[in-house]
Amino acid sequence: MNVQALIASLQRFPDILRTLVGSLDDATLRRRGGADGRAWSIVEILCHLADEEVEDFRARLELTLRDPAADWPKIDPEGAAQARRYQQQEPREALERFIAAREANLKWLASLGALNWSQEARHPRLGALRAGDLLGSWAAHDLLHLRQITKRLYEAVGEAAGEFDTGYAGAWSA
């Protein structure tokens, strides 16, 4: 495993995210996507990223390394989006909350030194997960949500084009 490449990916993401969403207007940030208009908006994605940064990846990686037999804290991303009213939150505050948590987590990762990335914990549904699986998934999670944000922006461009077709740009699935 290339730990430094994964950490570098985690380090890059806040700047990418700030550049991508920092200048968007409120309507674009709150626009839900998908054919049914129920897919998460950008503000909901930002809130989710901020919460996951505190409640999921670091917490679970830390437990896996320190006490692999301990039960992981329960998370419910869909439930949190509703209960915490992500759609009504302030987008810039959610972005800054994510960035601050990521900075703290990067400092924590840097403080760890040499680790046994093969250390396993048991996920109730997925089975054995190693510390390295969690680190790799943490970096991949950023990119999955980058793709999701980009999809919201792609949909907004299609909507802004109105009667005109954006197909000349190429297919989204390509």
N, C-alpha and C. Protein backbone atom coordinates (compact mmCIF):
# COMPACT_ATOMS: atom_id res chain seq x y z
N MET A 1 0.85 -1.18 0.00
CA MET A 1 0.00 0.00 0.00
C MET A 1 0.89 1.24 0.00
N ASN A 2 0.51 2.22 -0.80
CA ASN A 2 1.25 3.48 -0.85
C ASN A 2 0.55 4.48 0.08
N VAL A 3 0.92 4.45 1.34
CA VAL A 3 0.30 5.28 2.36
C VAL A 3 0.44 6.76 2.00
N GLN A 4 1.62 7.15 1.55
CA GLN A 4 1.85 8.57 1.24
C GLN A 4 0.94 9.05 0.10
N ALA A 5 0.69 8.21 -0.89
CA ALA A 5 -0.20 8.59 -1.99
C ALA A 5 -1.63 8.76 -1.49
N LEU A 6 -2.06 7.89 -0.58
CA LEU A 6 -3.41 8.00 -0.03
C LEU A 6 -3.55 9.25 0.82
N ILE A 7 -2.54 9.52 1.64
CA ILE A 7 -2.58 10.72 2.47
C ILE A 7 -2.50 11.97 1.60
N ALA A 8 -1.72 11.94 0.54
CA ALA A 8 -1.65 13.08 -0.38
C ALA A 8 -3.02 13.33 -1.02
N SER A 9 -3.74 12.28 -1.33
CA SER A 9 -5.09 12.43 -1.88
C SER A 9 -6.00 13.09 -0.85
N LEU A 10 -5.91 12.65 0.40
CA LEU A 10 -6.70 13.26 1.47
C LEU A 10 -6.32 14.74 1.65
N GLN A 11 -5.05 15.06 1.48
CA GLN A 11 -4.59 16.45 1.62
C GLN A 11 -5.09 17.34 0.49
N ARG A 12 -5.14 16.82 -0.71
CA ARG A 12 -5.57 17.62 -1.88
C ARG A 12 -7.05 17.94 -1.88
N PHE A 13 -7.84 17.04 -1.35
CA PHE A 13 -9.29 17.15 -1.52
C PHE A 13 -9.90 18.45 -0.98
N PRO A 14 -9.52 18.96 0.19
CA PRO A 14 -10.13 20.21 0.64
C PRO A 14 -9.96 21.37 -0.34
N ASP A 15 -8.77 21.49 -0.94
CA ASP A 15 -8.55 22.56 -1.92
C ASP A 15 -9.41 22.35 -3.17
N ILE A 16 -9.50 21.11 -3.61
CA ILE A 16 -10.34 20.80 -4.77
C ILE A 16 -11.79 21.16 -4.47
N LEU A 17 -12.25 20.77 -3.30
CA LEU A 17 -13.63 21.02 -2.90
C LEU A 17 -13.90 22.51 -2.79
N ARG A 18 -13.01 23.25 -2.15
CA ARG A 18 -13.20 24.70 -2.00
C ARG A 18 -13.24 25.37 -3.37
N THR A 19 -12.35 24.97 -4.27
CA THR A 19 -12.34 25.55 -5.62
C THR A 19 -13.61 25.23 -6.38
N LEU A 20 -14.08 24.01 -6.25
CA LEU A 20 -15.25 23.56 -6.99
C LEU A 20 -16.54 24.21 -6.53
N VAL A 21 -16.72 24.35 -5.22
CA VAL A 21 -18.02 24.82 -4.72
C VAL A 21 -17.99 26.20 -4.10
N GLY A 22 -16.80 26.75 -3.84
CA GLY A 22 -16.67 27.99 -3.09
C GLY A 22 -17.38 29.19 -3.68
N SER A 23 -17.50 29.25 -4.99
CA SER A 23 -18.12 30.43 -5.62
C SER A 23 -19.53 30.15 -6.15
N LEU A 24 -20.09 29.00 -5.83
CA LEU A 24 -21.42 28.67 -6.34
C LEU A 24 -22.50 29.46 -5.61
N ASP A 25 -23.54 29.80 -6.33
CA ASP A 25 -24.66 30.51 -5.70
C ASP A 25 -25.49 29.54 -4.87
N ASP A 26 -26.31 30.12 -4.00
CA ASP A 26 -27.09 29.32 -3.06
C ASP A 26 -28.04 28.35 -3.76
N ALA A 27 -28.64 28.80 -4.86
CA ALA A 27 -29.59 27.93 -5.57
C ALA A 27 -28.88 26.68 -6.11
N THR A 28 -27.69 26.85 -6.64
CA THR A 28 -26.94 25.71 -7.16
C THR A 28 -26.52 24.78 -6.02
N LEU A 29 -26.12 25.34 -4.91
CA LEU A 29 -25.69 24.54 -3.76
C LEU A 29 -26.84 23.73 -3.17
N ARG A 30 -28.06 24.24 -3.32
CA ARG A 30 -29.22 23.57 -2.70
C ARG A 30 -30.05 22.76 -3.70
N ARG A 31 -29.67 22.81 -4.96
CA ARG A 31 -30.41 22.09 -6.01
C ARG A 31 -30.22 20.59 -5.83
N ARG A 32 -31.31 19.89 -5.67
CA ARG A 32 -31.25 18.42 -5.59
C ARG A 32 -31.18 17.87 -7.01
N GLY A 33 -30.67 16.68 -7.13
CA GLY A 33 -30.45 16.11 -8.45
C GLY A 33 -31.20 14.82 -8.67
N GLY A 34 -30.86 14.21 -9.79
CA GLY A 34 -31.47 12.95 -10.17
C GLY A 34 -32.77 13.18 -10.91
N ALA A 35 -33.22 12.14 -11.56
CA ALA A 35 -34.46 12.22 -12.36
C ALA A 35 -35.66 12.58 -11.49
N ASP A 36 -35.62 12.13 -10.23
CA ASP A 36 -36.75 12.39 -9.33
C ASP A 36 -36.51 13.59 -8.42
N GLY A 37 -35.36 14.26 -8.54
CA GLY A 37 -35.06 15.41 -7.71
C GLY A 37 -34.82 15.08 -6.25
N ARG A 38 -34.48 13.82 -5.98
CA ARG A 38 -34.29 13.40 -4.59
C ARG A 38 -32.83 13.14 -4.23
N ALA A 39 -31.95 13.18 -5.22
CA ALA A 39 -30.53 12.95 -4.93
C ALA A 39 -29.98 14.15 -4.13
N TRP A 40 -29.03 13.88 -3.28
CA TRP A 40 -28.49 14.92 -2.41
C TRP A 40 -28.02 16.14 -3.17
N SER A 41 -28.28 17.29 -2.59
CA SER A 41 -27.76 18.55 -3.11
C SER A 41 -26.30 18.68 -2.68
N ILE A 42 -25.64 19.69 -3.22
CA ILE A 42 -24.24 19.92 -2.85
C ILE A 42 -24.12 20.25 -1.36
N VAL A 43 -25.03 21.05 -0.82
CA VAL A 43 -24.95 21.36 0.61
C VAL A 43 -25.13 20.10 1.45
N GLU A 44 -25.98 19.20 1.03
CA GLU A 44 -26.15 17.94 1.76
C GLU A 44 -24.87 17.10 1.70
N ILE A 45 -24.22 17.11 0.55
CA ILE A 45 -22.96 16.38 0.40
C ILE A 45 -21.88 16.99 1.30
N LEU A 46 -21.82 18.31 1.35
CA LEU A 46 -20.84 18.98 2.21
C LEU A 46 -21.07 18.63 3.68
N CYS A 47 -22.31 18.65 4.11
CA CYS A 47 -22.64 18.30 5.50
C CYS A 47 -22.25 16.85 5.78
N HIS A 48 -22.55 15.98 4.84
CA HIS A 48 -22.20 14.56 4.99
C HIS A 48 -20.69 14.40 5.11
N LEU A 49 -19.95 15.06 4.24
CA LEU A 49 -18.49 14.96 4.30
C LEU A 49 -17.96 15.44 5.66
N ALA A 50 -18.51 16.53 6.16
CA ALA A 50 -18.07 17.05 7.46
C ALA A 50 -18.37 16.06 8.57
N ASP A 51 -19.56 15.48 8.56
CA ASP A 51 -19.92 14.51 9.59
C ASP A 51 -19.10 13.23 9.49
N GLU A 52 -18.90 12.75 8.28
CA GLU A 52 -18.12 11.52 8.08
C GLU A 52 -16.68 11.71 8.54
N GLU A 53 -16.16 12.90 8.36
CA GLU A 53 -14.78 13.19 8.74
C GLU A 53 -14.58 13.01 10.25
N VAL A 54 -15.62 13.28 11.02
CA VAL A 54 -15.54 13.18 12.47
C VAL A 54 -16.04 11.83 12.97
N GLU A 55 -17.15 11.36 12.42
CA GLU A 55 -17.85 10.21 12.98
C GLU A 55 -17.51 8.87 12.34
N ASP A 56 -16.91 8.88 11.17
CA ASP A 56 -16.71 7.62 10.47
C ASP A 56 -15.23 7.27 10.34
N PHE A 57 -14.58 7.78 9.32
CA PHE A 57 -13.27 7.25 8.94
C PHE A 57 -12.22 7.33 10.05
N ARG A 58 -12.02 8.52 10.61
CA ARG A 58 -11.00 8.61 11.66
C ARG A 58 -11.40 7.77 12.87
N ALA A 59 -12.65 7.90 13.30
CA ALA A 59 -13.09 7.18 14.49
C ALA A 59 -12.91 5.68 14.32
N ARG A 60 -13.27 5.18 13.16
CA ARG A 60 -13.18 3.74 12.92
C ARG A 60 -11.74 3.27 12.70
N LEU A 61 -10.96 4.08 12.02
CA LEU A 61 -9.55 3.74 11.84
C LEU A 61 -8.83 3.74 13.19
N GLU A 62 -9.11 4.73 14.01
CA GLU A 62 -8.48 4.80 15.32
C GLU A 62 -8.84 3.59 16.17
N LEU A 63 -10.10 3.20 16.17
CA LEU A 63 -10.52 2.01 16.92
C LEU A 63 -9.87 0.74 16.38
N THR A 64 -9.79 0.64 15.06
CA THR A 64 -9.18 -0.54 14.45
C THR A 64 -7.72 -0.68 14.88
N LEU A 65 -7.03 0.45 14.95
CA LEU A 65 -5.63 0.42 15.33
C LEU A 65 -5.43 0.23 16.84
N ARG A 66 -6.29 0.83 17.64
CA ARG A 66 -6.13 0.84 19.10
C ARG A 66 -6.81 -0.34 19.78
N ASP A 67 -8.03 -0.63 19.34
CA ASP A 67 -8.84 -1.67 20.01
C ASP A 67 -9.71 -2.36 18.96
N PRO A 68 -9.14 -3.25 18.17
CA PRO A 68 -9.87 -3.85 17.06
C PRO A 68 -11.10 -4.66 17.45
N ALA A 69 -11.19 -5.07 18.70
CA ALA A 69 -12.36 -5.83 19.14
C ALA A 69 -13.52 -4.92 19.54
N ALA A 70 -13.26 -3.63 19.69
CA ALA A 70 -14.31 -2.69 20.11
C ALA A 70 -15.34 -2.51 18.99
N ASP A 71 -16.58 -2.31 19.40
CA ASP A 71 -17.63 -2.03 18.43
C ASP A 71 -17.44 -0.63 17.86
N TRP A 72 -17.62 -0.52 16.57
CA TRP A 72 -17.53 0.79 15.93
C TRP A 72 -18.77 1.61 16.25
N PRO A 73 -18.62 2.93 16.31
CA PRO A 73 -19.80 3.77 16.51
C PRO A 73 -20.75 3.60 15.33
N LYS A 74 -22.02 3.59 15.61
CA LYS A 74 -23.01 3.44 14.54
C LYS A 74 -23.15 4.75 13.79
N ILE A 75 -23.34 4.63 12.49
CA ILE A 75 -23.60 5.80 11.66
C ILE A 75 -24.80 5.50 10.76
N ASP A 76 -25.49 6.53 10.38
CA ASP A 76 -26.65 6.42 9.50
C ASP A 76 -26.66 7.67 8.62
N PRO A 77 -25.90 7.66 7.52
CA PRO A 77 -25.79 8.86 6.69
C PRO A 77 -27.14 9.40 6.20
N GLU A 78 -28.00 8.54 5.73
CA GLU A 78 -29.31 9.00 5.25
C GLU A 78 -30.14 9.59 6.38
N GLY A 79 -30.14 8.91 7.51
CA GLY A 79 -30.87 9.40 8.68
C GLY A 79 -30.31 10.72 9.18
N ALA A 80 -28.98 10.84 9.17
CA ALA A 80 -28.34 12.09 9.61
C ALA A 80 -28.73 13.25 8.71
N ALA A 81 -28.82 13.00 7.41
CA ALA A 81 -29.20 14.06 6.48
C ALA A 81 -30.56 14.65 6.83
N GLN A 82 -31.46 13.79 7.26
CA GLN A 82 -32.80 14.24 7.65
C GLN A 82 -32.79 14.86 9.05
N ALA A 83 -32.25 14.12 10.01
CA ALA A 83 -32.30 14.56 11.40
C ALA A 83 -31.52 15.86 11.63
N ARG A 84 -30.43 16.03 10.91
CA ARG A 84 -29.59 17.22 11.08
C ARG A 84 -29.94 18.33 10.09
N ARG A 85 -30.95 18.06 9.30
CA ARG A 85 -31.47 19.06 8.35
C ARG A 85 -30.36 19.64 7.46
N TYR A 86 -29.64 18.74 6.82
CA TYR A 86 -28.54 19.15 5.96
C TYR A 86 -28.96 20.20 4.93
N GLN A 87 -30.10 20.01 4.33
CA GLN A 87 -30.53 20.90 3.25
C GLN A 87 -30.69 22.34 3.74
N GLN A 88 -30.98 22.54 5.02
CA GLN A 88 -31.19 23.88 5.55
C GLN A 88 -29.90 24.48 6.14
N GLN A 89 -28.83 23.73 6.17
CA GLN A 89 -27.59 24.25 6.76
C GLN A 89 -26.90 25.23 5.82
N GLU A 90 -26.03 26.02 6.38
CA GLU A 90 -25.25 27.01 5.62
C GLU A 90 -24.10 26.29 4.91
N PRO A 91 -24.06 26.33 3.57
CA PRO A 91 -23.05 25.58 2.82
C PRO A 91 -21.61 25.94 3.17
N ARG A 92 -21.31 27.23 3.31
CA ARG A 92 -19.93 27.62 3.60
C ARG A 92 -19.50 27.14 4.98
N GLU A 93 -20.42 27.15 5.93
CA GLU A 93 -20.10 26.63 7.26
C GLU A 93 -19.82 25.13 7.20
N ALA A 94 -20.61 24.41 6.43
CA ALA A 94 -20.38 22.97 6.29
C ALA A 94 -19.03 22.70 5.64
N LEU A 95 -18.69 23.48 4.62
CA LEU A 95 -17.41 23.33 3.94
C LEU A 95 -16.26 23.59 4.92
N GLU A 96 -16.35 24.66 5.66
CA GLU A 96 -15.28 25.00 6.61
C GLU A 96 -15.20 23.98 7.74
N ARG A 97 -16.32 23.44 8.16
CA ARG A 97 -16.34 22.40 9.19
C ARG A 97 -15.60 21.16 8.68
N PHE A 98 -15.88 20.80 7.42
CA PHE A 98 -15.17 19.67 6.82
C PHE A 98 -13.67 19.94 6.76
N ILE A 99 -13.29 21.11 6.27
CA ILE A 99 -11.87 21.43 6.09
C ILE A 99 -11.14 21.42 7.43
N ALA A 100 -11.75 21.99 8.46
CA ALA A 100 -11.11 21.99 9.79
C ALA A 100 -10.94 20.57 10.32
N ALA A 101 -11.96 19.74 10.16
CA ALA A 101 -11.87 18.35 10.61
C ALA A 101 -10.81 17.59 9.82
N ARG A 102 -10.75 17.83 8.52
CA ARG A 102 -9.74 17.14 7.69
C ARG A 102 -8.34 17.55 8.12
N GLU A 103 -8.13 18.85 8.38
CA GLU A 103 -6.80 19.30 8.82
C GLU A 103 -6.40 18.61 10.12
N ALA A 104 -7.34 18.51 11.06
CA ALA A 104 -7.06 17.83 12.33
C ALA A 104 -6.74 16.35 12.08
N ASN A 105 -7.47 15.73 11.18
CA ASN A 105 -7.25 14.31 10.89
C ASN A 105 -5.91 14.07 10.20
N LEU A 106 -5.51 14.99 9.33
CA LEU A 106 -4.21 14.85 8.68
C LEU A 106 -3.08 14.97 9.70
N LYS A 107 -3.23 15.87 10.66
CA LYS A 107 -2.23 15.99 11.73
C LYS A 107 -2.19 14.70 12.55
N TRP A 108 -3.37 14.15 12.83
CA TRP A 108 -3.44 12.90 13.58
C TRP A 108 -2.74 11.78 12.80
N LEU A 109 -3.03 11.67 11.51
CA LEU A 109 -2.39 10.63 10.69
C LEU A 109 -0.87 10.80 10.69
N ALA A 110 -0.41 12.03 10.59
CA ALA A 110 1.03 12.29 10.57
C ALA A 110 1.69 11.92 11.90
N SER A 111 0.94 11.95 12.97
CA SER A 111 1.50 11.66 14.30
C SER A 111 1.61 10.16 14.58
N LEU A 112 1.04 9.32 13.74
CA LEU A 112 0.93 7.90 14.06
C LEU A 112 2.22 7.11 13.90
N GLY A 113 3.07 7.52 13.00
CA GLY A 113 4.29 6.75 12.78
C GLY A 113 4.01 5.45 12.05
N ALA A 114 4.88 4.46 12.25
CA ALA A 114 4.74 3.17 11.58
C ALA A 114 3.56 2.41 12.18
N LEU A 115 2.76 1.84 11.31
CA LEU A 115 1.54 1.14 11.74
C LEU A 115 1.42 -0.23 11.10
N ASN A 116 0.62 -1.05 11.72
CA ASN A 116 0.25 -2.33 11.14
C ASN A 116 -1.05 -2.10 10.36
N TRP A 117 -0.93 -1.81 9.07
CA TRP A 117 -2.10 -1.51 8.24
C TRP A 117 -2.94 -2.75 7.98
N SER A 118 -2.42 -3.93 8.36
CA SER A 118 -3.19 -5.16 8.23
C SER A 118 -4.04 -5.46 9.47
N GLN A 119 -3.93 -4.64 10.49
CA GLN A 119 -4.75 -4.81 11.70
C GLN A 119 -6.22 -4.83 11.31
N GLU A 120 -6.96 -5.84 11.77
CA GLU A 120 -8.35 -6.03 11.36
C GLU A 120 -9.34 -5.69 12.47
N ALA A 121 -10.47 -5.17 12.04
CA ALA A 121 -11.64 -5.01 12.91
C ALA A 121 -12.80 -5.69 12.20
N ARG A 122 -13.85 -5.92 12.91
CA ARG A 122 -14.99 -6.63 12.34
C ARG A 122 -16.14 -5.66 12.14
N HIS A 123 -16.57 -5.53 10.89
CA HIS A 123 -17.75 -4.73 10.57
C HIS A 123 -18.94 -5.69 10.59
N PRO A 124 -20.06 -5.28 11.21
CA PRO A 124 -21.18 -6.22 11.35
C PRO A 124 -21.75 -6.71 10.03
N ARG A 125 -21.66 -5.92 8.98
CA ARG A 125 -22.23 -6.30 7.70
C ARG A 125 -21.17 -6.73 6.69
N LEU A 126 -20.02 -6.07 6.71
CA LEU A 126 -18.98 -6.30 5.71
C LEU A 126 -17.94 -7.32 6.12
N GLY A 127 -17.92 -7.68 7.40
CA GLY A 127 -16.92 -8.63 7.88
C GLY A 127 -15.61 -7.94 8.22
N ALA A 128 -14.51 -8.66 8.04
CA ALA A 128 -13.20 -8.14 8.42
C ALA A 128 -12.79 -6.99 7.51
N LEU A 129 -12.37 -5.90 8.13
CA LEU A 129 -11.80 -4.76 7.42
C LEU A 129 -10.48 -4.42 8.09
N ARG A 130 -9.46 -4.21 7.26
CA ARG A 130 -8.14 -3.87 7.78
C ARG A 130 -7.99 -2.35 7.85
N ALA A 131 -7.06 -1.91 8.65
CA ALA A 131 -6.78 -0.48 8.76
C ALA A 131 -6.47 0.10 7.38
N GLY A 132 -5.72 -0.62 6.57
CA GLY A 132 -5.41 -0.16 5.21
C GLY A 132 -6.64 -0.06 4.33
N ASP A 133 -7.60 -0.95 4.54
CA ASP A 133 -8.86 -0.86 3.80
C ASP A 133 -9.57 0.45 4.13
N LEU A 134 -9.52 0.82 5.40
CA LEU A 134 -10.17 2.05 5.84
C LEU A 134 -9.48 3.29 5.28
N LEU A 135 -8.15 3.29 5.29
CA LEU A 135 -7.43 4.45 4.74
C LEU A 135 -7.71 4.60 3.25
N GLY A 136 -7.64 3.50 2.51
CA GLY A 136 -7.94 3.56 1.09
C GLY A 136 -9.37 3.98 0.82
N SER A 137 -10.30 3.49 1.62
CA SER A 137 -11.71 3.84 1.45
C SER A 137 -11.96 5.31 1.79
N TRP A 138 -11.23 5.82 2.74
CA TRP A 138 -11.35 7.23 3.12
C TRP A 138 -11.02 8.12 1.92
N ALA A 139 -9.90 7.83 1.26
CA ALA A 139 -9.50 8.61 0.08
C ALA A 139 -10.50 8.40 -1.07
N ALA A 140 -10.97 7.18 -1.25
CA ALA A 140 -11.94 6.90 -2.32
C ALA A 140 -13.28 7.58 -2.04
N HIS A 141 -13.68 7.67 -0.78
CA HIS A 141 -14.94 8.31 -0.40
C HIS A 141 -14.96 9.76 -0.88
N ASP A 142 -13.85 10.46 -0.72
CA ASP A 142 -13.75 11.84 -1.22
C ASP A 142 -14.10 11.88 -2.71
N LEU A 143 -13.52 10.98 -3.46
CA LEU A 143 -13.69 11.01 -4.91
C LEU A 143 -15.09 10.60 -5.34
N LEU A 144 -15.71 9.70 -4.60
CA LEU A 144 -17.10 9.35 -4.91
C LEU A 144 -18.00 10.59 -4.75
N HIS A 145 -17.74 11.38 -3.71
CA HIS A 145 -18.56 12.57 -3.51
C HIS A 145 -18.16 13.70 -4.45
N LEU A 146 -16.91 13.73 -4.89
CA LEU A 146 -16.51 14.67 -5.93
C LEU A 146 -17.29 14.38 -7.21
N ARG A 147 -17.42 13.11 -7.54
CA ARG A 147 -18.21 12.70 -8.70
C ARG A 147 -19.67 13.10 -8.51
N GLN A 148 -20.19 12.93 -7.31
CA GLN A 148 -21.58 13.29 -7.03
C GLN A 148 -21.80 14.80 -7.17
N ILE A 149 -20.87 15.60 -6.67
CA ILE A 149 -20.97 17.06 -6.80
C ILE A 149 -20.89 17.44 -8.27
N THR A 150 -19.98 16.83 -8.99
CA THR A 150 -19.83 17.12 -10.41
C THR A 150 -21.11 16.77 -11.17
N LYS A 151 -21.76 15.71 -10.77
CA LYS A 151 -23.04 15.34 -11.40
C LYS A 151 -24.09 16.42 -11.16
N ARG A 152 -24.16 16.97 -9.94
CA ARG A 152 -25.11 18.05 -9.66
C ARG A 152 -24.80 19.25 -10.56
N LEU A 153 -23.52 19.56 -10.75
CA LEU A 153 -23.14 20.70 -11.60
C LEU A 153 -23.45 20.41 -13.06
N TYR A 154 -23.24 19.19 -13.49
CA TYR A 154 -23.58 18.79 -14.85
C TYR A 154 -25.08 18.94 -15.10
N GLU A 155 -25.88 18.50 -14.14
CA GLU A 155 -27.34 18.63 -14.25
C GLU A 155 -27.75 20.10 -14.29
N ALA A 156 -27.08 20.93 -13.50
CA ALA A 156 -27.40 22.36 -13.48
C ALA A 156 -27.07 23.02 -14.82
N VAL A 157 -25.98 22.59 -15.45
CA VAL A 157 -25.64 23.13 -16.78
C VAL A 157 -26.70 22.71 -17.79
N GLY A 158 -27.14 21.48 -17.74
CA GLY A 158 -28.19 21.02 -18.64
C GLY A 158 -29.47 21.82 -18.44
N GLU A 159 -29.80 22.11 -17.21
CA GLU A 159 -30.98 22.91 -16.91
C GLU A 159 -30.80 24.34 -17.41
N ALA A 160 -29.63 24.91 -17.23
CA ALA A 160 -29.35 26.28 -17.69
C ALA A 160 -29.39 26.37 -19.21
N ALA A 161 -29.04 25.29 -19.89
CA ALA A 161 -29.05 25.29 -21.36
C ALA A 161 -30.48 25.36 -21.90
N GLY A 162 -31.45 25.06 -21.04
CA GLY A 162 -32.85 25.17 -21.44
C GLY A 162 -33.20 24.28 -22.62
N GLU A 163 -33.71 24.90 -23.66
CA GLU A 163 -34.14 24.15 -24.84
C GLU A 163 -32.98 23.61 -25.65
N PHE A 164 -31.77 24.04 -25.34
CA PHE A 164 -30.61 23.62 -26.11
C PHE A 164 -29.99 22.36 -25.51
N ASP A 165 -29.44 21.54 -26.37
CA ASP A 165 -28.93 20.24 -25.98
C ASP A 165 -27.45 20.33 -25.65
N THR A 166 -27.02 19.63 -24.62
CA THR A 166 -25.61 19.60 -24.24
C THR A 166 -24.90 18.33 -24.74
N GLY A 167 -25.58 17.55 -25.56
CA GLY A 167 -25.04 16.28 -26.03
C GLY A 167 -23.75 16.37 -26.81
N TYR A 168 -23.51 17.50 -27.44
CA TYR A 168 -22.27 17.67 -28.20
C TYR A 168 -21.04 17.53 -27.29
N ALA A 169 -21.20 17.81 -25.99
CA ALA A 169 -20.10 17.70 -25.04
C ALA A 169 -19.67 16.26 -24.84
N GLY A 170 -20.58 15.34 -25.08
CA GLY A 170 -20.32 13.92 -24.83
C GLY A 170 -21.29 13.41 -23.80
N ALA A 171 -21.35 12.10 -23.68
CA ALA A 171 -22.26 11.47 -22.74
C ALA A 171 -21.69 11.51 -21.33
N TRP A 172 -22.53 11.68 -20.34
CA TRP A 172 -22.09 11.70 -18.94
C TRP A 172 -21.39 10.40 -18.58
N SER A 173 -21.86 9.30 -19.05
CA SER A 173 -21.31 8.00 -18.66
C SER A 173 -19.94 7.72 -19.27
N ALA A 174 -19.53 8.52 -20.21
CA ALA A 174 -18.24 8.26 -20.89
C ALA A 174 -17.06 8.48 -19.98
